[in-house]
Amino acid sequence: MTDQAMPEPGTRVSVAPREWQPSPGIEGQTYHDIVIVNIQDSDDPRFAWVHGHGVECSWATADCTAPWCYEVLVGVDVLAATAAGERP
């Protein structure tokens, strides 16, 4: 992966349009808050695969039993800035 520090599992990362991709080469067009389950390498060094849950999965009324609800590519710079505490 990258030599930059990445957020730990359980960290909440907020992504804006164009900071993430639902699949390689397709820009995300919406805002999302994702609670990270794990981060994996991708073929594009600018992005990493993020598996995670939406914050709504932790609500008391949620019954999310999936290993993760999101599988998206997120910019490595966004992840590194989140790990460094430079992003909300």
PDB file of N, CA and C in Angstrom:
ATOM      1  N   MET A   1       0.855  -1.172   0.000  1.00  0.00           N
ATOM      2  CA  MET A   1       0.000   0.000   0.000  1.00  0.00           C
ATOM      3  C   MET A   1       0.891   1.222   0.000  1.00  0.00           C
ATOM      4  N   THR A   2       0.403   2.274   0.472  1.00  0.00           N
ATOM      5  CA  THR A   2       1.136   3.527   0.538  1.00  0.00           C
ATOM      6  C   THR A   2       2.010   3.561   1.788  1.00  0.00           C
ATOM      7  N   ASP A   3       3.014   4.413   1.769  1.00  0.00           N
ATOM      8  CA  ASP A   3       3.838   4.571   2.968  1.00  0.00           C
ATOM      9  C   ASP A   3       3.244   5.607   3.915  1.00  0.00           C
ATOM     10  N   GLN A   4       2.108   6.187   3.532  1.00  0.00           N
ATOM     11  CA  GLN A   4       1.411   7.134   4.399  1.00  0.00           C
ATOM     12  C   GLN A   4       0.577   6.372   5.431  1.00  0.00           C
ATOM     13  N   ALA A   5       0.394   6.971   6.587  1.00  0.00           N
ATOM     14  CA  ALA A   5      -0.456   6.365   7.614  1.00  0.00           C
ATOM     15  C   ALA A   5      -1.899   6.345   7.129  1.00  0.00           C
ATOM     16  N   MET A   6      -2.577   5.247   7.388  1.00  0.00           N
ATOM     17  CA  MET A   6      -3.978   5.089   7.003  1.00  0.00           C
ATOM     18  C   MET A   6      -4.833   5.012   8.268  1.00  0.00           C
ATOM     19  N   PRO A   7      -6.109   5.401   8.166  1.00  0.00           N
ATOM     20  CA  PRO A   7      -6.985   5.332   9.342  1.00  0.00           C
ATOM     21  C   PRO A   7      -7.171   3.886   9.820  1.00  0.00           C
ATOM     22  N   GLU A   8      -7.345   3.748  11.101  1.00  0.00           N
ATOM     23  CA  GLU A   8      -7.582   2.441  11.722  1.00  0.00           C
ATOM     24  C   GLU A   8      -9.036   2.020  11.520  1.00  0.00           C
ATOM     25  N   PRO A   9      -9.315   0.714  11.585  1.00  0.00           N
ATOM     26  CA  PRO A   9     -10.707   0.268  11.574  1.00  0.00           C
ATOM     27  C   PRO A   9     -11.498   0.982  12.668  1.00  0.00           C
ATOM     28  N   GLY A  10     -12.724   1.339  12.347  1.00  0.00           N
ATOM     29  CA  GLY A  10     -13.575   2.077  13.280  1.00  0.00           C
ATOM     30  C   GLY A  10     -13.518   3.579  13.091  1.00  0.00           C
ATOM     31  N   THR A  11     -12.564   4.056  12.294  1.00  0.00           N
ATOM     32  CA  THR A  11     -12.446   5.490  12.020  1.00  0.00           C
ATOM     33  C   THR A  11     -13.526   5.899  11.034  1.00  0.00           C
ATOM     34  N   ARG A  12     -14.090   7.056  11.266  1.00  0.00           N
ATOM     35  CA  ARG A  12     -15.094   7.619  10.355  1.00  0.00           C
ATOM     36  C   ARG A  12     -14.382   8.512   9.346  1.00  0.00           C
ATOM     37  N   VAL A  13     -14.601   8.258   8.073  1.00  0.00           N
ATOM     38  CA  VAL A  13     -14.035   9.089   7.010  1.00  0.00           C
ATOM     39  C   VAL A  13     -15.195   9.700   6.225  1.00  0.00           C
ATOM     40  N   SER A  14     -15.102  10.996   5.984  1.00  0.00           N
ATOM     41  CA  SER A  14     -16.113  11.701   5.189  1.00  0.00           C
ATOM     42  C   SER A  14     -15.539  11.942   3.798  1.00  0.00           C
ATOM     43  N   VAL A  15     -16.273  11.514   2.781  1.00  0.00           N
ATOM     44  CA  VAL A  15     -15.819  11.707   1.406  1.00  0.00           C
ATOM     45  C   VAL A  15     -16.817  12.571   0.652  1.00  0.00           C
ATOM     46  N   ALA A  16     -16.272  13.436  -0.173  1.00  0.00           N
ATOM     47  CA  ALA A  16     -17.058  14.359  -0.984  1.00  0.00           C
ATOM     48  C   ALA A  16     -17.039  13.885  -2.437  1.00  0.00           C
ATOM     49  N   PRO A  17     -17.888  14.471  -3.279  1.00  0.00           N
ATOM     50  CA  PRO A  17     -17.833  14.125  -4.698  1.00  0.00           C
ATOM     51  C   PRO A  17     -16.407  14.263  -5.228  1.00  0.00           C
ATOM     52  N   ARG A  18     -16.033  13.359  -6.085  1.00  0.00           N
ATOM     53  CA  ARG A  18     -14.726  13.297  -6.754  1.00  0.00           C
ATOM     54  C   ARG A  18     -13.590  12.844  -5.835  1.00  0.00           C
ATOM     55  N   GLU A  19     -13.885  12.527  -4.567  1.00  0.00           N
ATOM     56  CA  GLU A  19     -12.860  11.989  -3.671  1.00  0.00           C
ATOM     57  C   GLU A  19     -12.935  10.470  -3.579  1.00  0.00           C
ATOM     58  N   TRP A  20     -13.933   9.894  -4.222  1.00  0.00           N
ATOM     59  CA  TRP A  20     -14.135   8.454  -4.152  1.00  0.00           C
ATOM     60  C   TRP A  20     -14.676   7.956  -5.485  1.00  0.00           C
ATOM     61  N   GLN A  21     -14.613   6.658  -5.679  1.00  0.00           N
ATOM     62  CA  GLN A  21     -15.112   6.028  -6.902  1.00  0.00           C
ATOM     63  C   GLN A  21     -15.864   4.751  -6.534  1.00  0.00           C
ATOM     64  N   PRO A  22     -17.064   4.550  -7.103  1.00  0.00           N
ATOM     65  CA  PRO A  22     -17.770   3.296  -6.848  1.00  0.00           C
ATOM     66  C   PRO A  22     -17.111   2.125  -7.567  1.00  0.00           C
ATOM     67  N   SER A  23     -16.443   2.412  -8.661  1.00  0.00           N
ATOM     68  CA  SER A  23     -15.638   1.439  -9.398  1.00  0.00           C
ATOM     69  C   SER A  23     -14.561   2.222 -10.139  1.00  0.00           C
ATOM     70  N   PRO A  24     -13.479   1.566 -10.528  1.00  0.00           N
ATOM     71  CA  PRO A  24     -12.370   2.294 -11.150  1.00  0.00           C
ATOM     72  C   PRO A  24     -12.795   3.166 -12.328  1.00  0.00           C
ATOM     73  N   GLY A  25     -12.370   4.427 -12.274  1.00  0.00           N
ATOM     74  CA  GLY A  25     -12.628   5.358 -13.365  1.00  0.00           C
ATOM     75  C   GLY A  25     -13.971   6.063 -13.335  1.00  0.00           C
ATOM     76  N   ILE A  26     -14.832   5.759 -12.363  1.00  0.00           N
ATOM     77  CA  ILE A  26     -16.152   6.392 -12.242  1.00  0.00           C
ATOM     78  C   ILE A  26     -16.137   7.263 -10.992  1.00  0.00           C
ATOM     79  N   GLU A  27     -16.235   8.575 -11.149  1.00  0.00           N
ATOM     80  CA  GLU A  27     -16.192   9.469  -9.990  1.00  0.00           C
ATOM     81  C   GLU A  27     -17.477   9.399  -9.187  1.00  0.00           C
ATOM     82  N   GLY A  28     -17.322   9.355  -7.862  1.00  0.00           N
ATOM     83  CA  GLY A  28     -18.471   9.440  -6.971  1.00  0.00           C
ATOM     84  C   GLY A  28     -19.060  10.836  -7.029  1.00  0.00           C
ATOM     85  N   GLN A  29     -20.357  10.931  -6.936  1.00  0.00           N
ATOM     86  CA  GLN A  29     -21.047  12.214  -7.104  1.00  0.00           C
ATOM     87  C   GLN A  29     -21.763  12.692  -5.852  1.00  0.00           C
ATOM     88  N   THR A  30     -21.637  11.974  -4.748  1.00  0.00           N
ATOM     89  CA  THR A  30     -22.365  12.323  -3.526  1.00  0.00           C
ATOM     90  C   THR A  30     -21.411  12.330  -2.333  1.00  0.00           C
ATOM     91  N   TYR A  31     -21.905  12.833  -1.210  1.00  0.00           N
ATOM     92  CA  TYR A  31     -21.156  12.831   0.050  1.00  0.00           C
ATOM     93  C   TYR A  31     -21.509  11.563   0.827  1.00  0.00           C
ATOM     94  N   HIS A  32     -20.516  10.988   1.504  1.00  0.00           N
ATOM     95  CA  HIS A  32     -20.754   9.818   2.348  1.00  0.00           C
ATOM     96  C   HIS A  32     -19.876   9.896   3.586  1.00  0.00           C
ATOM     97  N   ASP A  33     -20.404   9.400   4.677  1.00  0.00           N
ATOM     98  CA  ASP A  33     -19.636   9.166   5.891  1.00  0.00           C
ATOM     99  C   ASP A  33     -19.541   7.659   6.035  1.00  0.00           C
ATOM    100  N   ILE A  34     -18.312   7.158   6.098  1.00  0.00           N
ATOM    101  CA  ILE A  34     -18.084   5.716   6.137  1.00  0.00           C
ATOM    102  C   ILE A  34     -17.248   5.389   7.373  1.00  0.00           C
ATOM    103  N   VAL A  35     -17.672   4.379   8.102  1.00  0.00           N
ATOM    104  CA  VAL A  35     -16.898   3.864   9.224  1.00  0.00           C
ATOM    105  C   VAL A  35     -16.076   2.700   8.674  1.00  0.00           C
ATOM    106  N   ILE A  36     -14.767   2.835   8.727  1.00  0.00           N
ATOM    107  CA  ILE A  36     -13.868   1.897   8.063  1.00  0.00           C
ATOM    108  C   ILE A  36     -13.836   0.535   8.767  1.00  0.00           C
ATOM    109  N   VAL A  37     -13.962  -0.512   7.948  1.00  0.00           N
ATOM    110  CA  VAL A  37     -13.749  -1.887   8.407  1.00  0.00           C
ATOM    111  C   VAL A  37     -12.319  -2.295   8.057  1.00  0.00           C
ATOM    112  N   ASN A  38     -11.921  -2.069   6.794  1.00  0.00           N
ATOM    113  CA  ASN A  38     -10.544  -2.319   6.385  1.00  0.00           C
ATOM    114  C   ASN A  38     -10.222  -1.537   5.123  1.00  0.00           C
ATOM    115  N   ILE A  39      -8.939  -1.445   4.832  1.00  0.00           N
ATOM    116  CA  ILE A  39      -8.436  -0.734   3.657  1.00  0.00           C
ATOM    117  C   ILE A  39      -7.505  -1.676   2.917  1.00  0.00           C
ATOM    118  N   GLN A  40      -7.696  -1.772   1.602  1.00  0.00           N
ATOM    119  CA  GLN A  40      -6.893  -2.660   0.766  1.00  0.00           C
ATOM    120  C   GLN A  40      -6.282  -1.881  -0.395  1.00  0.00           C
ATOM    121  N   ASP A  41      -5.181  -2.375  -0.913  1.00  0.00           N
ATOM    122  CA  ASP A  41      -4.551  -1.782  -2.100  1.00  0.00           C
ATOM    123  C   ASP A  41      -5.495  -1.845  -3.299  1.00  0.00           C
ATOM    124  N   SER A  42      -5.270  -0.948  -4.238  1.00  0.00           N
ATOM    125  CA  SER A  42      -5.953  -1.012  -5.528  1.00  0.00           C
ATOM    126  C   SER A  42      -4.891  -0.963  -6.625  1.00  0.00           C
ATOM    127  N   ASP A  43      -5.307  -1.167  -7.854  1.00  0.00           N
ATOM    128  CA  ASP A  43      -4.374  -1.105  -8.978  1.00  0.00           C
ATOM    129  C   ASP A  43      -3.894   0.319  -9.238  1.00  0.00           C
ATOM    130  N   ASP A  44      -4.670   1.306  -8.812  1.00  0.00           N
ATOM    131  CA  ASP A  44      -4.331   2.715  -8.979  1.00  0.00           C
ATOM    132  C   ASP A  44      -3.743   3.226  -7.663  1.00  0.00           C
ATOM    133  N   PRO A  45      -2.473   3.610  -7.623  1.00  0.00           N
ATOM    134  CA  PRO A  45      -1.859   4.028  -6.347  1.00  0.00           C
ATOM    135  C   PRO A  45      -2.466   5.293  -5.744  1.00  0.00           C
ATOM    136  N   ARG A  46      -3.283   6.017  -6.497  1.00  0.00           N
ATOM    137  CA  ARG A  46      -3.938   7.219  -5.951  1.00  0.00           C
ATOM    138  C   ARG A  46      -5.147   6.868  -5.097  1.00  0.00           C
ATOM    139  N   PHE A  47      -5.622   5.618  -5.197  1.00  0.00           N
ATOM    140  CA  PHE A  47      -6.832   5.186  -4.495  1.00  0.00           C
ATOM    141  C   PHE A  47      -6.581   3.890  -3.744  1.00  0.00           C
ATOM    142  N   ALA A  48      -7.361   3.675  -2.688  1.00  0.00           N
ATOM    143  CA  ALA A  48      -7.344   2.413  -1.951  1.00  0.00           C
ATOM    144  C   ALA A  48      -8.792   1.949  -1.807  1.00  0.00           C
ATOM    145  N   TRP A  49      -8.983   0.617  -1.811  1.00  0.00           N
ATOM    146  CA  TRP A  49     -10.312   0.070  -1.570  1.00  0.00           C
ATOM    147  C   TRP A  49     -10.638   0.214  -0.092  1.00  0.00           C
ATOM    148  N   VAL A  50     -11.793   0.768   0.189  1.00  0.00           N
ATOM    149  CA  VAL A  50     -12.267   0.902   1.564  1.00  0.00           C
ATOM    150  C   VAL A  50     -13.526   0.065   1.713  1.00  0.00           C
ATOM    151  N   HIS A  51     -13.507  -0.815   2.693  1.00  0.00           N
ATOM    152  CA  HIS A  51     -14.700  -1.557   3.087  1.00  0.00           C
ATOM    153  C   HIS A  51     -15.173  -0.919   4.379  1.00  0.00           C
ATOM    154  N   GLY A  52     -16.462  -0.642   4.456  1.00  0.00           N
ATOM    155  CA  GLY A  52     -16.961   0.001   5.657  1.00  0.00           C
ATOM    156  C   GLY A  52     -18.470   0.002   5.746  1.00  0.00           C
ATOM    157  N   HIS A  53     -18.947   0.664   6.749  1.00  0.00           N
ATOM    158  CA  HIS A  53     -20.376   0.796   7.015  1.00  0.00           C
ATOM    159  C   HIS A  53     -20.753   2.266   7.018  1.00  0.00           C
ATOM    160  N   GLY A  54     -21.995   2.543   6.696  1.00  0.00           N
ATOM    161  CA  GLY A  54     -22.523   3.878   6.881  1.00  0.00           C
ATOM    162  C   GLY A  54     -22.730   4.107   8.368  1.00  0.00           C
ATOM    163  N   VAL A  55     -22.705   5.350   8.789  1.00  0.00           N
ATOM    164  CA  VAL A  55     -22.881   5.634  10.218  1.00  0.00           C
ATOM    165  C   VAL A  55     -24.240   5.147  10.713  1.00  0.00           C
ATOM    166  N   GLU A  56     -25.219   5.068   9.821  1.00  0.00           N
ATOM    167  CA  GLU A  56     -26.548   4.604  10.214  1.00  0.00           C
ATOM    168  C   GLU A  56     -26.544   3.135  10.638  1.00  0.00           C
ATOM    169  N   CYS A  57     -25.534   2.375  10.255  1.00  0.00           N
ATOM    170  CA  CYS A  57     -25.451   0.967  10.653  1.00  0.00           C
ATOM    171  C   CYS A  57     -25.223   0.811  12.151  1.00  0.00           C
ATOM    172  N   SER A  58     -24.746   1.855  12.812  1.00  0.00           N
ATOM    173  CA  SER A  58     -24.491   1.764  14.249  1.00  0.00           C
ATOM    174  C   SER A  58     -25.669   2.250  15.089  1.00  0.00           C
ATOM    175  N   TRP A  59     -26.731   2.696  14.442  1.00  0.00           N
ATOM    176  CA  TRP A  59     -27.901   3.119  15.201  1.00  0.00           C
ATOM    177  C   TRP A  59     -28.498   1.934  15.943  1.00  0.00           C
ATOM    178  N   ALA A  60     -29.103   2.202  17.077  1.00  0.00           N
ATOM    179  CA  ALA A  60     -29.700   1.136  17.886  1.00  0.00           C
ATOM    180  C   ALA A  60     -30.780   0.374  17.114  1.00  0.00           C
ATOM    181  N   THR A  61     -31.460   1.038  16.186  1.00  0.00           N
ATOM    182  CA  THR A  61     -32.530   0.388  15.427  1.00  0.00           C
ATOM    183  C   THR A  61     -32.009  -0.361  14.198  1.00  0.00           C
ATOM    184  N   ALA A  62     -30.728  -0.224  13.900  1.00  0.00           N
ATOM    185  CA  ALA A  62     -30.163  -0.915  12.738  1.00  0.00           C
ATOM    186  C   ALA A  62     -29.839  -2.355  13.106  1.00  0.00           C
ATOM    187  N   ASP A  63     -30.005  -3.225  12.149  1.00  0.00           N
ATOM    188  CA  ASP A  63     -29.681  -4.628  12.365  1.00  0.00           C
ATOM    189  C   ASP A  63     -28.753  -5.081  11.244  1.00  0.00           C
ATOM    190  N   CYS A  64     -27.656  -4.336  11.061  1.00  0.00           N
ATOM    191  CA  CYS A  64     -26.718  -4.628   9.979  1.00  0.00           C
ATOM    192  C   CYS A  64     -25.806  -5.774  10.394  1.00  0.00           C
ATOM    193  N   THR A  65     -25.892  -6.877   9.679  1.00  0.00           N
ATOM    194  CA  THR A  65     -25.043  -8.027   9.972  1.00  0.00           C
ATOM    195  C   THR A  65     -24.039  -8.282   8.848  1.00  0.00           C
ATOM    196  N   ALA A  66     -24.027  -7.413   7.837  1.00  0.00           N
ATOM    197  CA  ALA A  66     -23.094  -7.581   6.725  1.00  0.00           C
ATOM    198  C   ALA A  66     -21.674  -7.274   7.180  1.00  0.00           C
ATOM    199  N   PRO A  67     -20.674  -7.945   6.586  1.00  0.00           N
ATOM    200  CA  PRO A  67     -19.290  -7.618   6.939  1.00  0.00           C
ATOM    201  C   PRO A  67     -18.966  -6.162   6.624  1.00  0.00           C
ATOM    202  N   TRP A  68     -19.558  -5.623   5.562  1.00  0.00           N
ATOM    203  CA  TRP A  68     -19.447  -4.218   5.215  1.00  0.00           C
ATOM    204  C   TRP A  68     -20.571  -3.868   4.255  1.00  0.00           C
ATOM    205  N   CYS A  69     -20.925  -2.590   4.223  1.00  0.00           N
ATOM    206  CA  CYS A  69     -21.995  -2.103   3.343  1.00  0.00           C
ATOM    207  C   CYS A  69     -21.433  -1.298   2.184  1.00  0.00           C
ATOM    208  N   TYR A  70     -20.238  -0.781   2.350  1.00  0.00           N
ATOM    209  CA  TYR A  70     -19.578  -0.001   1.304  1.00  0.00           C
ATOM    210  C   TYR A  70     -18.316  -0.723   0.862  1.00  0.00           C
ATOM    211  N   GLU A  71     -18.097  -0.748  -0.432  1.00  0.00           N
ATOM    212  CA  GLU A  71     -16.837  -1.180  -1.021  1.00  0.00           C
ATOM    213  C   GLU A  71     -16.546  -0.157  -2.112  1.00  0.00           C
ATOM    214  N   VAL A  72     -15.746   0.832  -1.769  1.00  0.00           N
ATOM    215  CA  VAL A  72     -15.475   1.947  -2.678  1.00  0.00           C
ATOM    216  C   VAL A  72     -13.993   2.271  -2.687  1.00  0.00           C
ATOM    217  N   LEU A  73     -13.571   2.913  -3.763  1.00  0.00           N
ATOM    218  CA  LEU A  73     -12.208   3.435  -3.850  1.00  0.00           C
ATOM    219  C   LEU A  73     -12.203   4.840  -3.271  1.00  0.00           C
ATOM    220  N   VAL A  74     -11.290   5.106  -2.353  1.00  0.00           N
ATOM    221  CA  VAL A  74     -11.179   6.427  -1.744  1.00  0.00           C
ATOM    222  C   VAL A  74      -9.758   6.922  -1.982  1.00  0.00           C
ATOM    223  N   GLY A  75      -9.631   8.214  -2.261  1.00  0.00           N
ATOM    224  CA  GLY A  75      -8.329   8.803  -2.497  1.00  0.00           C
ATOM    225  C   GLY A  75      -7.389   8.593  -1.310  1.00  0.00           C
ATOM    226  N   VAL A  76      -6.169   8.130  -1.592  1.00  0.00           N
ATOM    227  CA  VAL A  76      -5.173   7.898  -0.554  1.00  0.00           C
ATOM    228  C   VAL A  76      -4.887   9.186   0.214  1.00  0.00           C
ATOM    229  N   ASP A  77      -4.880  10.319  -0.464  1.00  0.00           N
ATOM    230  CA  ASP A  77      -4.652  11.601   0.228  1.00  0.00           C
ATOM    231  C   ASP A  77      -5.765  11.895   1.230  1.00  0.00           C
ATOM    232  N   VAL A  78      -6.998  11.555   0.880  1.00  0.00           N
ATOM    233  CA  VAL A  78      -8.130  11.745   1.798  1.00  0.00           C
ATOM    234  C   VAL A  78      -7.945  10.860   3.021  1.00  0.00           C
ATOM    235  N   LEU A  79      -7.566   9.615   2.797  1.00  0.00           N
ATOM    236  CA  LEU A  79      -7.372   8.683   3.905  1.00  0.00           C
ATOM    237  C   LEU A  79      -6.211   9.116   4.801  1.00  0.00           C
ATOM    238  N   ALA A  80      -5.101   9.537   4.199  1.00  0.00           N
ATOM    239  CA  ALA A  80      -3.949   9.979   4.990  1.00  0.00           C
ATOM    240  C   ALA A  80      -4.286  11.226   5.808  1.00  0.00           C
ATOM    241  N   ALA A  81      -5.023  12.158   5.221  1.00  0.00           N
ATOM    242  CA  ALA A  81      -5.426  13.365   5.948  1.00  0.00           C
ATOM    243  C   ALA A  81      -6.362  13.029   7.101  1.00  0.00           C
ATOM    244  N   THR A  82      -7.241  12.050   6.900  1.00  0.00           N
ATOM    245  CA  THR A  82      -8.128  11.603   7.971  1.00  0.00           C
ATOM    246  C   THR A  82      -7.318  10.983   9.102  1.00  0.00           C
ATOM    247  N   ALA A  83      -6.352  10.126   8.758  1.00  0.00           N
ATOM    248  CA  ALA A  83      -5.499   9.486   9.763  1.00  0.00           C
ATOM    249  C   ALA A  83      -4.702  10.520  10.561  1.00  0.00           C
ATOM    250  N   ALA A  84      -4.315  11.604   9.895  1.00  0.00           N
ATOM    251  CA  ALA A  84      -3.529  12.658  10.552  1.00  0.00           C
ATOM    252  C   ALA A  84      -4.406  13.630  11.346  1.00  0.00           C
ATOM    253  N   GLY A  85      -5.711  13.450  11.296  1.00  0.00           N
ATOM    254  CA  GLY A  85      -6.618  14.343  12.018  1.00  0.00           C
ATOM    255  C   GLY A  85      -6.837  15.668  11.332  1.00  0.00           C
ATOM    256  N   GLU A  86      -6.538  15.735  10.051  1.00  0.00           N
ATOM    257  CA  GLU A  86      -6.674  16.973   9.295  1.00  0.00           C
ATOM    258  C   GLU A  86      -8.030  17.127   8.613  1.00  0.00           C
ATOM    259  N   ARG A  87      -8.849  16.105   8.716  1.00  0.00           N
ATOM    260  CA  ARG A  87     -10.190  16.134   8.124  1.00  0.00           C
ATOM    261  C   ARG A  87     -11.191  15.675   9.172  1.00  0.00           C
ATOM    262  N   PRO A  88     -12.415  16.185   9.052  1.00  0.00           N
ATOM    263  CA  PRO A  88     -13.444  15.732  10.000  1.00  0.00           C
ATOM    264  C   PRO A  88     -13.820  14.293   9.775  1.00  0.00           C
TER     265      PRO A  88
END
